[in-house]
Amino acid sequence: MNNRRKMFLQLFSWSLIVCMLVSCSYSGKPKILDPSPTLKPEDVKVEKLPSNVLYELGKEPLHVTFYGLYNNYKMPAWGADPSSEWIKDNFDIHIKSISSDGNAMHKLQTMVAINQLPDIIWGEKDADLERLREAGLLVPLDDYIEKYPNLKKWAGEKILNLLRAPDGKIYYFPNYYSENPYGNAGYVVNKKIYRELGKPKLETINDLYTYLKLVKEKYPNVIPFETGQATEGHGIDQLFSSFKEENYSFTRYFAVTKDDEMVSIYQDQGFRESALFVAQLMREGLMPQNALTQTEYQVSEKLMNGTVAVHASADPMRLVMPADAALSISNPDDGYFFIDPIYKEGLDPKKIYPGTYNILGWNVSTISTSAKNPEAIFAMLDWMTGHEGSAVQMWGPPGPEGFWNGFKEDGITPEFTSRYGSDPNGLAEIQAIAGDMMWVGNTEYLDSTKTKYEATLPEKQKNWATKWQQLVTWKSQGDHTQFINLMPAPNSEEGLIYRNLKEIWLKARSDAMFGETDEEVLAILDKAHEESMAAGFQMYLTFLTKKWEQNLNAIKEK
């Protein structure tokens, strides 16, 4: 066993002992391991092809293990859908998913301890992946980025520079990066129920509450307001945005901006009002009682069955698009539609952001040092983020019977077939799976390509998702770029504070959701603020403010 792995294993064993002694901090959840400060990324030795030789996909079988660092993520079977089947058959690529078993961090720790890291680890740009990077367990990608054509071309220097680690190297391959507005967060409404209730005004929080009450009265078997998986903020973060102008979903930081600093979210008037509203919806049976425990499959089933009146989340598109297609088969007037963001009366609706975007995109893929051929894996990811890989994943295999058949003379723009406009259900099926299979999505290419083509189609043939992105969601996402990379290093004092703050946050938000009175909800938030301050909250907030100021200065310089 090499020294890097040995050190990590020793830390893991000790971590288990400490965890048993102190009940793993607040919730009993194991924490990712602290890396050894003596390990250096340059110690990672990997074999590389000559600088003028690119790895040729398909010349030999390529077997890749993949791990999604999410408790609820389950990768669709590789080769079972048309897109991945085409990739498998044409490039002899075989991807094996490793399940998180519902506890992604614990599973990752176990794999580190037994020296069996997956080839690709896909997750948030946060402390968990940073620990792996600091421990020297991730492969630096700089040489590959310079050598292979697609990521460098489509992301550009500005995005790549923002991805650089403190050591100056790049370890993260971004997903859904773009310098143009994008995003799917917002509210969708059941067409049939809305039509039968007389199409009332749905603009303000009061409008929404009145509508949900009416739904419960008229449709006792329907969920008035479906949050999705509220444990990850879905639905309730969107409601928070309704009570505050220029809200950038600071729930992830437990902080909001006030003038020129970051301050406690628990004392923010908009957040407190939203917490009261969420608790009211829960008490009155207007949102699912199992909002914090329900699975994505359960949410999908309700949407497919049409037993949801209003649904809000950070990405309704993925689950609602196939549900809209299914419901519209028997009646073209049924399905779902997006509405403009809900807002508290008196606020400027143009400054309400149910979701955000930043030019780095969503999450990232990393290549672990366990990978036998990291260059081959990067070549695969680079192809996937390029125009051909993007087209195959988003629109299925090329061919005259498919949705696109090769490229136009520029070699980049797909030659879409008539099926694109005539078979929305078939396209919805492909794109519903793509949401869980696109780990290095190229938003810049996908959005610009599909919008240009959609503009040439008659209204009835336009893709449901693209239509609502253009009409509603892209216009109502806030630019969050100035708030990226705020999180402290996991082994820093602020990083240790963050761990405890997160436990306080998760418990407080859960308890507040089930508060029986307004007074109880506010008392829960006040207590969480006090506990956070005792745990070093102010030091953490000061750190966030400093990082935010650095971002603002960096953006001004570009």
Protein backbone atom coordinates (compact mmCIF):
# COMPACT_ATOMS: atom_id res chain seq x y z
CA MET A 1 0.00 0.00 0.00
CA ASN A 2 1.47 3.39 -0.92
CA ASN A 3 2.04 6.04 1.71
CA ARG A 4 -0.90 8.19 0.61
CA ARG A 5 -3.36 5.32 0.99
CA LYS A 6 -1.75 4.12 4.20
CA MET A 7 -2.10 7.53 5.80
CA PHE A 8 -5.72 7.79 4.69
CA LEU A 9 -6.46 4.31 6.07
CA GLN A 10 -4.92 5.21 9.43
CA LEU A 11 -7.01 8.36 9.55
CA PHE A 12 -10.13 6.42 8.64
CA SER A 13 -9.58 3.85 11.40
CA TRP A 14 -8.99 6.59 13.96
CA SER A 15 -12.03 8.49 12.66
CA LEU A 16 -14.23 5.46 13.30
CA ILE A 17 -13.00 5.19 16.89
CA VAL A 18 -13.56 8.89 17.55
CA CYS A 19 -16.95 8.72 15.85
CA MET A 20 -18.10 5.93 18.18
CA LEU A 21 -16.86 7.83 21.23
CA VAL A 22 -18.55 11.13 20.44
CA SER A 23 -21.56 9.83 18.47
CA CYS A 24 -20.23 11.43 15.27
CA SER A 25 -21.01 15.01 16.28
CA TYR A 26 -24.68 16.03 15.99
CA SER A 27 -26.34 13.45 13.77
CA GLY A 28 -24.18 10.35 13.86
CA LYS A 29 -23.20 10.83 10.22
CA PRO A 30 -19.54 10.02 9.52
CA LYS A 31 -17.42 12.90 8.28
CA ILE A 32 -15.05 12.73 5.36
CA LEU A 33 -11.49 12.22 6.45
CA ASP A 34 -8.91 14.89 7.07
CA PRO A 35 -6.05 14.56 4.58
CA SER A 36 -2.41 14.44 5.51
CA PRO A 37 -0.76 17.85 5.03
CA THR A 38 2.38 16.11 3.72
CA LEU A 39 0.75 14.75 0.56
CA LYS A 40 1.32 16.68 -2.66
CA PRO A 41 -0.59 16.47 -5.97
CA GLU A 42 2.70 16.35 -7.90
CA ASP A 43 3.41 13.00 -6.23
CA VAL A 44 0.67 11.50 -8.42
CA LYS A 45 2.35 9.61 -11.24
CA VAL A 46 0.24 8.66 -14.26
CA GLU A 47 1.20 7.29 -17.64
CA LYS A 48 0.58 9.66 -20.55
CA LEU A 49 0.58 9.30 -24.29
CA PRO A 50 3.00 11.52 -26.22
CA SER A 51 1.80 15.12 -26.42
CA ASN A 52 0.97 14.78 -30.12
CA VAL A 53 -1.02 11.54 -29.75
CA LEU A 54 -4.66 11.59 -28.66
CA TYR A 55 -6.27 8.57 -27.04
CA GLU A 56 -8.52 6.92 -29.62
CA LEU A 57 -11.90 6.00 -28.19
CA GLY A 58 -13.04 2.61 -29.45
CA LYS A 59 -9.61 1.18 -30.22
CA GLU A 60 -9.99 -1.05 -27.17
CA PRO A 61 -12.63 -1.69 -24.51
CA LEU A 62 -12.74 1.07 -21.93
CA HIS A 63 -14.11 0.00 -18.56
CA VAL A 64 -14.92 2.85 -16.16
CA THR A 65 -16.31 2.82 -12.63
CA PHE A 66 -18.52 5.78 -11.71
CA TYR A 67 -19.70 7.09 -8.35
CA GLY A 68 -22.28 9.83 -7.83
CA LEU A 69 -21.60 11.50 -4.47
CA TYR A 70 -25.30 11.95 -3.67
CA ASN A 71 -27.41 9.96 -1.23
CA ASN A 72 -30.38 9.79 -3.60
CA TYR A 73 -28.63 9.48 -6.96
CA LYS A 74 -29.08 6.27 -8.90
CA MET A 75 -27.47 6.09 -12.31
CA PRO A 76 -29.64 4.48 -15.02
CA ALA A 77 -28.27 1.20 -16.35
CA TRP A 78 -25.51 1.90 -18.85
CA GLY A 79 -26.46 0.65 -22.31
CA ALA A 80 -30.16 0.33 -21.52
CA ASP A 81 -31.18 3.65 -23.13
CA PRO A 82 -30.62 4.58 -26.80
CA SER A 83 -27.87 7.15 -26.12
CA SER A 84 -25.63 5.11 -23.84
CA GLU A 85 -26.28 2.01 -25.96
CA TRP A 86 -24.94 3.89 -29.00
CA ILE A 87 -21.87 5.05 -27.08
CA LYS A 88 -21.27 1.52 -25.82
CA ASP A 89 -21.60 -0.03 -29.25
CA ASN A 90 -19.59 2.58 -31.16
CA PHE A 91 -16.78 3.22 -28.68
CA ASP A 92 -16.75 0.00 -26.65
CA ILE A 93 -17.22 2.07 -23.48
CA HIS A 94 -18.54 0.25 -20.42
CA ILE A 95 -19.49 2.27 -17.34
CA LYS A 96 -20.27 0.54 -14.07
CA SER A 97 -22.09 2.57 -11.45
CA ILE A 98 -21.30 2.15 -7.76
CA SER A 99 -24.35 2.71 -5.56
CA SER A 100 -24.16 5.07 -2.60
CA ASP A 101 -26.57 2.81 -0.69
CA GLY A 102 -28.29 5.94 0.57
CA ASN A 103 -25.21 7.22 2.44
CA ALA A 104 -22.83 8.64 -0.11
CA MET A 105 -20.17 9.97 2.25
CA HIS A 106 -19.90 6.81 4.29
CA LYS A 107 -19.57 4.73 1.14
CA LEU A 108 -16.83 7.04 -0.16
CA GLN A 109 -14.91 6.77 3.11
CA THR A 110 -15.13 3.00 2.92
CA MET A 111 -13.78 2.94 -0.63
CA VAL A 112 -10.89 5.18 0.39
CA ALA A 113 -10.11 2.96 3.37
CA ILE A 114 -9.99 -0.26 1.31
CA ASN A 115 -8.04 1.39 -1.50
CA GLN A 116 -10.80 0.97 -4.09
CA LEU A 117 -11.75 4.44 -5.27
CA PRO A 118 -13.92 4.59 -8.40
CA ASP A 119 -12.40 6.00 -11.59
CA ILE A 120 -14.84 8.93 -11.71
CA ILE A 121 -16.33 10.70 -8.68
CA TRP A 122 -19.15 13.08 -9.61
CA GLY A 123 -20.43 15.59 -7.07
CA GLU A 124 -20.67 19.14 -5.80
CA LYS A 125 -17.72 21.53 -5.84
CA ASP A 126 -17.57 21.45 -2.06
CA ALA A 127 -15.58 20.36 0.96
CA ASP A 128 -16.00 16.65 0.30
CA LEU A 129 -14.22 16.68 -3.05
CA GLU A 130 -11.75 19.24 -1.78
CA ARG A 131 -10.63 16.80 0.89
CA LEU A 132 -9.86 14.21 -1.75
CA ARG A 133 -7.94 16.80 -3.74
CA GLU A 134 -5.93 17.91 -0.74
CA ALA A 135 -5.11 14.28 0.01
CA GLY A 136 -3.64 13.82 -3.47
CA LEU A 137 -6.36 11.37 -4.53
CA LEU A 138 -7.52 13.31 -7.60
CA VAL A 139 -5.69 13.57 -10.93
CA PRO A 140 -4.76 17.10 -12.12
CA LEU A 141 -6.31 17.68 -15.54
CA ASP A 142 -4.29 20.62 -16.89
CA ASP A 143 -2.20 18.66 -19.39
CA TYR A 144 -5.27 16.88 -20.74
CA ILE A 145 -7.22 20.14 -21.05
CA GLU A 146 -4.44 21.58 -23.17
CA LYS A 147 -4.18 18.43 -25.27
CA TYR A 148 -7.84 17.57 -25.98
CA PRO A 149 -10.02 20.00 -27.90
CA ASN A 150 -13.49 20.31 -26.43
CA LEU A 151 -13.43 21.49 -22.82
CA LYS A 152 -10.89 24.22 -23.55
CA LYS A 153 -12.87 25.38 -26.59
CA TRP A 154 -16.33 25.46 -25.04
CA ALA A 155 -15.52 26.50 -21.47
CA GLY A 156 -12.90 29.13 -22.26
CA GLU A 157 -10.16 30.59 -20.11
CA LYS A 158 -12.43 32.53 -17.73
CA ILE A 159 -14.30 29.43 -16.61
CA LEU A 160 -11.19 27.28 -16.46
CA ASN A 161 -9.36 29.84 -14.35
CA LEU A 162 -12.24 29.94 -11.86
CA LEU A 163 -11.86 26.17 -11.50
CA ARG A 164 -8.24 26.35 -10.42
CA ALA A 165 -7.38 24.99 -6.99
CA PRO A 166 -5.13 26.90 -4.56
CA ASP A 167 -2.13 25.04 -6.03
CA GLY A 168 -2.92 26.49 -9.47
CA LYS A 169 -4.03 23.19 -11.01
CA ILE A 170 -7.45 22.11 -12.29
CA TYR A 171 -8.98 18.93 -10.88
CA TYR A 172 -12.65 19.46 -11.71
CA PHE A 173 -14.38 18.88 -15.06
CA PRO A 174 -17.43 21.19 -14.97
CA ASN A 175 -21.02 20.23 -15.75
CA TYR A 176 -23.50 22.59 -17.47
CA TYR A 177 -21.06 25.49 -17.72
CA SER A 178 -22.00 28.60 -19.69
CA GLU A 179 -21.55 32.37 -19.64
CA ASN A 180 -25.20 32.85 -20.67
CA PRO A 181 -28.24 32.62 -18.34
CA TYR A 182 -29.55 29.09 -17.90
CA GLY A 183 -31.41 26.99 -15.35
CA ASN A 184 -34.72 25.23 -14.79
CA ALA A 185 -35.79 26.26 -11.28
CA GLY A 186 -39.35 27.45 -10.82
CA TYR A 187 -43.00 26.55 -10.49
CA VAL A 188 -45.08 24.24 -12.71
CA VAL A 189 -48.86 23.95 -12.64
CA ASN A 190 -51.18 21.08 -13.56
CA LYS A 191 -53.14 22.27 -16.64
CA LYS A 192 -56.27 20.18 -16.03
CA ILE A 193 -56.76 21.23 -12.42
CA TYR A 194 -55.96 24.86 -13.20
CA ARG A 195 -58.45 24.85 -16.08
CA GLU A 196 -61.21 23.26 -14.02
CA LEU A 197 -60.72 25.78 -11.22
CA GLY A 198 -61.25 28.68 -13.60
CA LYS A 199 -57.62 29.68 -14.28
CA PRO A 200 -57.30 32.06 -11.33
CA LYS A 201 -54.45 34.56 -11.00
CA LEU A 202 -51.24 32.91 -9.75
CA GLU A 203 -48.72 35.66 -9.17
CA THR A 204 -48.33 36.49 -5.49
CA ILE A 205 -47.88 34.39 -2.35
CA ASN A 206 -51.47 35.22 -1.42
CA ASP A 207 -52.65 34.02 -4.84
CA LEU A 208 -50.73 30.78 -4.37
CA TYR A 209 -52.10 30.16 -0.88
CA THR A 210 -55.70 30.79 -2.00
CA TYR A 211 -55.23 28.44 -4.93
CA LEU A 212 -53.74 25.65 -2.81
CA LYS A 213 -56.64 25.91 -0.36
CA LEU A 214 -59.08 25.62 -3.26
CA VAL A 215 -57.26 22.57 -4.63
CA LYS A 216 -57.47 20.81 -1.28
CA GLU A 217 -61.18 21.54 -1.04
CA LYS A 218 -62.04 20.40 -4.56
CA TYR A 219 -59.47 17.61 -5.05
CA PRO A 220 -58.90 15.72 -1.77
CA ASN A 221 -56.64 13.14 -3.44
CA VAL A 222 -54.29 15.72 -4.96
CA ILE A 223 -51.14 17.21 -3.42
CA PRO A 224 -51.75 20.98 -3.60
CA PHE A 225 -48.06 21.98 -3.39
CA GLU A 226 -45.48 19.30 -4.20
CA THR A 227 -42.04 20.21 -2.93
CA GLY A 228 -40.13 17.24 -4.25
CA GLN A 229 -37.25 16.24 -1.99
CA ALA A 230 -37.39 19.06 0.54
CA THR A 231 -34.46 17.62 2.45
CA GLU A 232 -32.31 19.07 -0.35
CA GLY A 233 -34.19 22.37 -0.36
CA HIS A 234 -36.48 21.62 -3.30
CA GLY A 235 -39.72 23.56 -3.14
CA ILE A 236 -38.96 25.33 0.11
CA ASP A 237 -35.95 27.19 -1.34
CA GLN A 238 -38.21 28.39 -4.15
CA LEU A 239 -40.70 29.68 -1.58
CA PHE A 240 -37.85 31.48 0.22
CA SER A 241 -37.06 33.27 -3.04
CA SER A 242 -40.64 34.58 -3.13
CA PHE A 243 -40.13 36.61 0.04
CA LYS A 244 -36.87 38.34 -0.87
CA GLU A 245 -35.65 40.35 -3.85
CA GLU A 246 -32.37 39.28 -5.44
CA ASN A 247 -32.23 36.15 -3.32
CA TYR A 248 -29.42 33.85 -4.45
CA SER A 249 -30.40 30.73 -2.46
CA PHE A 250 -28.04 31.42 0.41
CA THR A 251 -29.49 28.46 2.28
CA ARG A 252 -26.40 26.58 1.14
CA TYR A 253 -24.28 28.98 3.20
CA PHE A 254 -26.74 29.57 6.09
CA ALA A 255 -26.17 33.25 5.35
CA VAL A 256 -27.53 36.18 3.34
CA THR A 257 -26.00 39.45 2.21
CA LYS A 258 -26.73 42.66 4.06
CA ASP A 259 -25.06 45.75 2.63
CA ASP A 260 -21.43 44.68 2.21
CA GLU A 261 -21.29 41.62 4.46
CA MET A 262 -22.70 38.13 4.96
CA VAL A 263 -24.99 37.73 7.97
CA SER A 264 -27.05 35.00 9.64
CA ILE A 265 -29.91 33.61 7.59
CA TYR A 266 -31.88 32.91 10.76
CA GLN A 267 -32.35 36.64 11.38
CA ASP A 268 -33.24 37.49 7.78
CA GLN A 269 -36.79 38.78 7.52
CA GLY A 270 -37.45 37.14 4.17
CA PHE A 271 -36.26 33.74 5.38
CA ARG A 272 -38.28 33.96 8.58
CA GLU A 273 -41.42 34.82 6.62
CA SER A 274 -40.82 31.91 4.25
CA ALA A 275 -40.30 29.51 7.17
CA LEU A 276 -43.64 30.62 8.63
CA PHE A 277 -45.34 30.08 5.28
CA VAL A 278 -43.84 26.60 4.81
CA ALA A 279 -44.93 25.58 8.31
CA GLN A 280 -48.43 26.88 7.59
CA LEU A 281 -48.63 24.81 4.40
CA MET A 282 -47.49 21.75 6.34
CA ARG A 283 -49.97 22.29 9.20
CA GLU A 284 -52.87 22.75 6.81
CA GLY A 285 -52.03 19.71 4.72
CA LEU A 286 -51.20 21.73 1.63
CA MET A 287 -47.80 20.08 1.06
CA PRO A 288 -46.71 16.44 1.47
CA GLN A 289 -46.25 15.37 5.06
CA ASN A 290 -43.30 13.21 3.98
CA ALA A 291 -41.58 16.07 2.14
CA LEU A 292 -38.31 15.41 3.97
CA THR A 293 -38.28 11.65 3.44
CA GLN A 294 -39.98 10.95 0.10
CA THR A 295 -37.94 9.56 -2.77
CA GLU A 296 -37.58 10.98 -6.24
CA TYR A 297 -39.48 7.97 -7.58
CA GLN A 298 -42.47 8.81 -5.37
CA VAL A 299 -42.46 12.40 -6.61
CA SER A 300 -42.23 11.22 -10.22
CA GLU A 301 -45.17 8.86 -9.77
CA LYS A 302 -47.39 11.65 -8.45
CA LEU A 303 -46.47 13.88 -11.36
CA MET A 304 -47.08 11.10 -13.87
CA ASN A 305 -50.48 10.38 -12.34
CA GLY A 306 -51.51 14.03 -12.40
CA THR A 307 -52.08 14.11 -8.63
CA VAL A 308 -50.01 17.28 -8.16
CA ALA A 309 -51.51 20.75 -8.56
CA VAL A 310 -48.37 22.89 -8.20
CA HIS A 311 -44.76 21.72 -8.08
CA ALA A 312 -41.63 23.75 -7.41
CA SER A 313 -38.01 22.65 -7.30
CA ALA A 314 -34.51 23.52 -8.44
CA ASP A 315 -35.07 21.46 -11.60
CA PRO A 316 -38.69 20.52 -12.35
CA MET A 317 -37.89 19.88 -16.02
CA ARG A 318 -36.40 16.43 -15.59
CA LEU A 319 -39.39 14.87 -13.83
CA VAL A 320 -42.17 17.02 -15.28
CA MET A 321 -41.24 16.72 -18.96
CA PRO A 322 -42.09 13.00 -19.25
CA ALA A 323 -45.12 13.53 -17.02
CA ASP A 324 -46.39 16.29 -19.31
CA ALA A 325 -45.91 14.04 -22.32
CA ALA A 326 -47.77 11.16 -20.64
CA LEU A 327 -50.75 13.24 -19.52
CA SER A 328 -51.10 14.96 -22.89
CA ILE A 329 -51.49 11.69 -24.78
CA SER A 330 -55.17 11.24 -23.87
CA ASN A 331 -55.88 14.98 -23.97
CA PRO A 332 -53.50 17.45 -25.67
CA ASP A 333 -54.79 20.18 -23.34
CA ASP A 334 -53.57 18.33 -20.25
CA GLY A 335 -50.06 18.25 -18.78
CA TYR A 336 -48.08 20.97 -17.03
CA PHE A 337 -46.97 24.52 -17.68
CA PHE A 338 -44.54 26.94 -16.02
CA ILE A 339 -45.66 30.15 -14.37
CA ASP A 340 -43.57 33.23 -13.61
CA PRO A 341 -41.98 33.18 -10.16
CA ILE A 342 -44.33 33.65 -7.21
CA TYR A 343 -43.58 36.77 -5.17
CA LYS A 344 -44.72 38.50 -2.00
CA GLU A 345 -46.97 41.43 -2.83
CA GLY A 346 -45.01 44.67 -2.83
CA LEU A 347 -41.78 43.14 -4.12
CA ASP A 348 -40.47 43.62 -7.65
CA PRO A 349 -41.31 40.39 -9.56
CA LYS A 350 -38.36 41.01 -11.88
CA LYS A 351 -36.01 40.63 -8.91
CA ILE A 352 -37.38 37.28 -7.73
CA TYR A 353 -35.07 34.37 -8.50
CA PRO A 354 -36.40 30.85 -7.73
CA GLY A 355 -33.05 29.51 -8.89
CA THR A 356 -29.57 30.67 -9.77
CA TYR A 357 -26.83 29.99 -12.27
CA ASN A 358 -23.13 30.61 -12.40
CA ILE A 359 -20.73 30.32 -15.29
CA LEU A 360 -19.08 27.23 -13.77
CA GLY A 361 -22.36 25.34 -13.94
CA TRP A 362 -23.69 22.79 -11.50
CA ASN A 363 -21.43 19.98 -10.26
CA VAL A 364 -18.17 18.43 -11.43
CA SER A 365 -16.53 15.16 -12.46
CA THR A 366 -13.17 14.20 -11.04
CA ILE A 367 -10.77 11.40 -11.99
CA SER A 368 -9.31 9.54 -9.03
CA THR A 369 -5.72 8.35 -8.81
CA SER A 370 -7.08 4.79 -8.72
CA ALA A 371 -7.90 5.06 -12.43
CA LYS A 372 -5.60 2.83 -14.47
CA ASN A 373 -5.82 5.06 -17.55
CA PRO A 374 -6.86 8.58 -16.57
CA GLU A 375 -6.09 9.96 -20.02
CA ALA A 376 -8.56 7.54 -21.62
CA ILE A 377 -11.21 8.61 -19.12
CA PHE A 378 -10.53 12.30 -19.79
CA ALA A 379 -10.74 11.62 -23.54
CA MET A 380 -14.18 10.10 -22.95
CA LEU A 381 -15.37 13.07 -20.87
CA ASP A 382 -13.95 15.52 -23.39
CA TRP A 383 -15.85 13.76 -26.17
CA MET A 384 -19.02 13.82 -24.07
CA THR A 385 -18.77 17.58 -23.55
CA GLY A 386 -18.06 18.18 -27.24
CA HIS A 387 -20.64 18.67 -29.96
CA GLU A 388 -21.00 15.00 -30.95
CA GLY A 389 -21.15 13.68 -27.38
CA SER A 390 -23.60 16.39 -26.37
CA ALA A 391 -25.84 15.68 -29.36
CA VAL A 392 -25.88 11.92 -28.76
CA GLN A 393 -26.72 12.32 -25.09
CA MET A 394 -29.39 15.01 -25.51
CA TRP A 395 -31.08 13.93 -28.75
CA GLY A 396 -30.24 10.25 -29.02
CA PRO A 397 -28.25 8.33 -31.66
CA PRO A 398 -27.78 9.96 -35.07
CA GLY A 399 -29.51 8.52 -38.12
CA PRO A 400 -32.41 9.13 -40.50
CA GLU A 401 -34.81 7.39 -38.09
CA GLY A 402 -33.60 9.42 -35.12
CA PHE A 403 -34.01 13.02 -34.04
CA TRP A 404 -30.86 14.20 -35.82
CA ASN A 405 -28.78 12.83 -38.66
CA GLY A 406 -25.22 14.07 -38.66
CA PHE A 407 -24.03 17.67 -38.77
CA LYS A 408 -24.42 20.59 -41.12
CA GLU A 409 -21.51 21.96 -43.15
CA ASP A 410 -20.03 23.71 -40.11
CA GLY A 411 -19.49 20.28 -38.54
CA ILE A 412 -21.10 21.41 -35.28
CA THR A 413 -24.79 22.14 -35.84
CA PRO A 414 -26.96 18.98 -35.83
CA GLU A 415 -29.05 18.21 -38.89
CA PHE A 416 -32.35 17.69 -37.08
CA THR A 417 -34.89 15.37 -38.69
CA SER A 418 -38.66 15.78 -38.93
CA ARG A 419 -39.02 13.41 -35.97
CA TYR A 420 -37.72 16.16 -33.65
CA GLY A 421 -40.97 18.05 -34.03
CA SER A 422 -43.33 15.12 -34.59
CA ASP A 423 -42.36 12.80 -31.72
CA PRO A 424 -42.19 14.88 -28.52
CA ASN A 425 -42.87 11.86 -26.32
CA GLY A 426 -39.93 9.92 -27.75
CA LEU A 427 -37.64 12.91 -27.30
CA ALA A 428 -38.91 13.43 -23.76
CA GLU A 429 -37.99 9.85 -22.87
CA ILE A 430 -34.42 10.33 -24.07
CA GLN A 431 -33.99 13.68 -22.33
CA ALA A 432 -35.49 12.44 -19.07
CA ILE A 433 -32.69 9.85 -18.88
CA ALA A 434 -30.09 12.36 -20.07
CA GLY A 435 -30.67 14.35 -16.90
CA ASP A 436 -29.06 11.54 -14.90
CA MET A 437 -26.38 10.66 -17.45
CA MET A 438 -24.92 14.00 -18.52
CA TRP A 439 -22.02 14.47 -16.09
CA VAL A 440 -20.15 17.05 -18.20
CA GLY A 441 -23.01 18.80 -19.94
CA ASN A 442 -22.16 21.64 -22.33
CA THR A 443 -24.88 24.21 -21.71
CA GLU A 444 -23.31 26.70 -24.10
CA TYR A 445 -23.61 24.28 -27.02
CA LEU A 446 -26.92 22.63 -26.13
CA ASP A 447 -28.88 25.79 -25.41
CA SER A 448 -27.68 27.77 -28.41
CA THR A 449 -28.23 24.84 -30.78
CA LYS A 450 -31.70 23.85 -29.71
CA THR A 451 -33.06 27.40 -29.42
CA LYS A 452 -32.01 28.25 -32.97
CA TYR A 453 -33.72 25.16 -34.34
CA GLU A 454 -36.82 25.47 -32.16
CA ALA A 455 -37.38 28.96 -33.54
CA THR A 456 -38.03 27.41 -36.97
CA LEU A 457 -40.75 25.03 -35.71
CA PRO A 458 -44.48 25.68 -35.44
CA GLU A 459 -45.72 26.18 -31.87
CA LYS A 460 -47.18 22.67 -31.51
CA GLN A 461 -43.91 21.01 -32.46
CA LYS A 462 -41.65 22.90 -30.09
CA ASN A 463 -39.97 20.91 -27.35
CA TRP A 464 -41.79 21.37 -24.03
CA ALA A 465 -38.64 21.98 -21.99
CA THR A 466 -37.06 24.39 -24.47
CA LYS A 467 -40.29 26.34 -24.77
CA TRP A 468 -40.55 26.99 -21.03
CA GLN A 469 -36.86 27.67 -20.65
CA GLN A 470 -37.16 30.46 -23.19
CA LEU A 471 -40.45 31.81 -21.86
CA VAL A 472 -39.86 31.58 -18.11
CA THR A 473 -36.89 29.89 -16.48
CA TRP A 474 -33.88 31.42 -18.22
CA LYS A 475 -35.31 34.89 -17.59
CA SER A 476 -35.85 34.28 -13.88
CA GLN A 477 -32.56 32.79 -12.69
CA GLY A 478 -30.16 34.99 -10.73
CA ASP A 479 -26.47 35.22 -11.64
CA HIS A 480 -24.73 33.63 -8.67
CA THR A 481 -21.17 33.76 -10.02
CA GLN A 482 -20.00 36.28 -7.42
CA PHE A 483 -20.86 33.76 -4.69
CA ILE A 484 -19.00 30.70 -5.99
CA ASN A 485 -16.11 29.05 -4.14
CA LEU A 486 -17.01 30.61 -0.80
CA MET A 487 -16.73 27.41 1.22
CA PRO A 488 -13.76 27.16 3.58
CA ALA A 489 -11.17 24.41 3.26
CA PRO A 490 -12.46 21.37 5.16
CA ASN A 491 -9.39 21.10 7.38
CA SER A 492 -9.38 24.81 8.27
CA GLU A 493 -10.85 26.22 11.47
CA GLU A 494 -13.75 27.71 9.49
CA GLY A 495 -14.24 24.37 7.75
CA LEU A 496 -14.57 22.59 11.08
CA ILE A 497 -17.06 25.23 12.20
CA TYR A 498 -19.05 24.71 9.00
CA ARG A 499 -19.59 21.04 9.81
CA ASN A 500 -21.34 21.89 13.07
CA LEU A 501 -23.26 24.76 11.49
CA LYS A 502 -24.64 22.38 8.87
CA GLU A 503 -25.93 19.98 11.50
CA ILE A 504 -27.64 22.85 13.32
CA TRP A 505 -29.12 24.07 10.03
CA LEU A 506 -30.54 20.72 8.96
CA LYS A 507 -32.20 20.13 12.31
CA ALA A 508 -33.57 23.66 12.56
CA ARG A 509 -35.08 23.65 9.09
CA SER A 510 -36.69 20.27 9.67
CA ASP A 511 -38.08 21.28 13.07
CA ALA A 512 -39.34 24.62 11.75
CA MET A 513 -41.23 22.92 8.94
CA PHE A 514 -43.32 21.08 11.52
CA GLY A 515 -43.72 23.99 13.93
CA GLU A 516 -47.27 24.02 15.31
CA THR A 517 -47.45 27.80 15.75
CA ASP A 518 -45.72 30.86 14.32
CA GLU A 519 -44.17 31.49 17.73
CA GLU A 520 -42.68 27.99 17.79
CA VAL A 521 -41.21 28.36 14.29
CA LEU A 522 -39.53 31.66 15.13
CA ALA A 523 -38.25 30.26 18.43
CA ILE A 524 -36.62 27.38 16.54
CA LEU A 525 -34.85 29.83 14.21
CA ASP A 526 -33.73 31.99 17.12
CA LYS A 527 -32.33 28.97 18.94
CA ALA A 528 -30.49 27.84 15.80
CA HIS A 529 -28.93 31.28 15.51
CA GLU A 530 -27.77 31.22 19.12
CA GLU A 531 -26.34 27.69 18.80
CA SER A 532 -24.59 28.69 15.59
CA MET A 533 -23.03 31.75 17.19
CA ALA A 534 -21.78 29.58 20.04
CA ALA A 535 -20.27 27.23 17.45
CA GLY A 536 -18.22 29.98 15.79
CA PHE A 537 -20.78 31.35 13.32
CA GLN A 538 -19.31 34.86 13.29
CA MET A 539 -15.85 33.63 12.32
CA TYR A 540 -17.42 31.64 9.49
CA LEU A 541 -19.50 34.64 8.34
CA THR A 542 -16.43 36.86 8.35
CA PHE A 543 -14.65 34.27 6.21
CA LEU A 544 -17.56 34.18 3.72
CA THR A 545 -17.57 37.98 3.50
CA LYS A 546 -13.86 38.07 2.72
CA LYS A 547 -14.19 35.39 0.02
CA TRP A 548 -17.17 37.20 -1.47
CA GLU A 549 -15.19 40.44 -1.65
CA GLN A 550 -12.37 38.58 -3.41
CA ASN A 551 -14.84 37.25 -5.98
CA LEU A 552 -16.22 40.72 -6.61
CA ASN A 553 -12.73 42.07 -7.19
CA ALA A 554 -11.83 39.17 -9.48
CA ILE A 555 -14.96 39.67 -11.57
CA LYS A 556 -14.25 43.38 -11.92
CA GLU A 557 -10.75 42.62 -13.17
CA LYS A 558 -11.94 40.34 -15.98
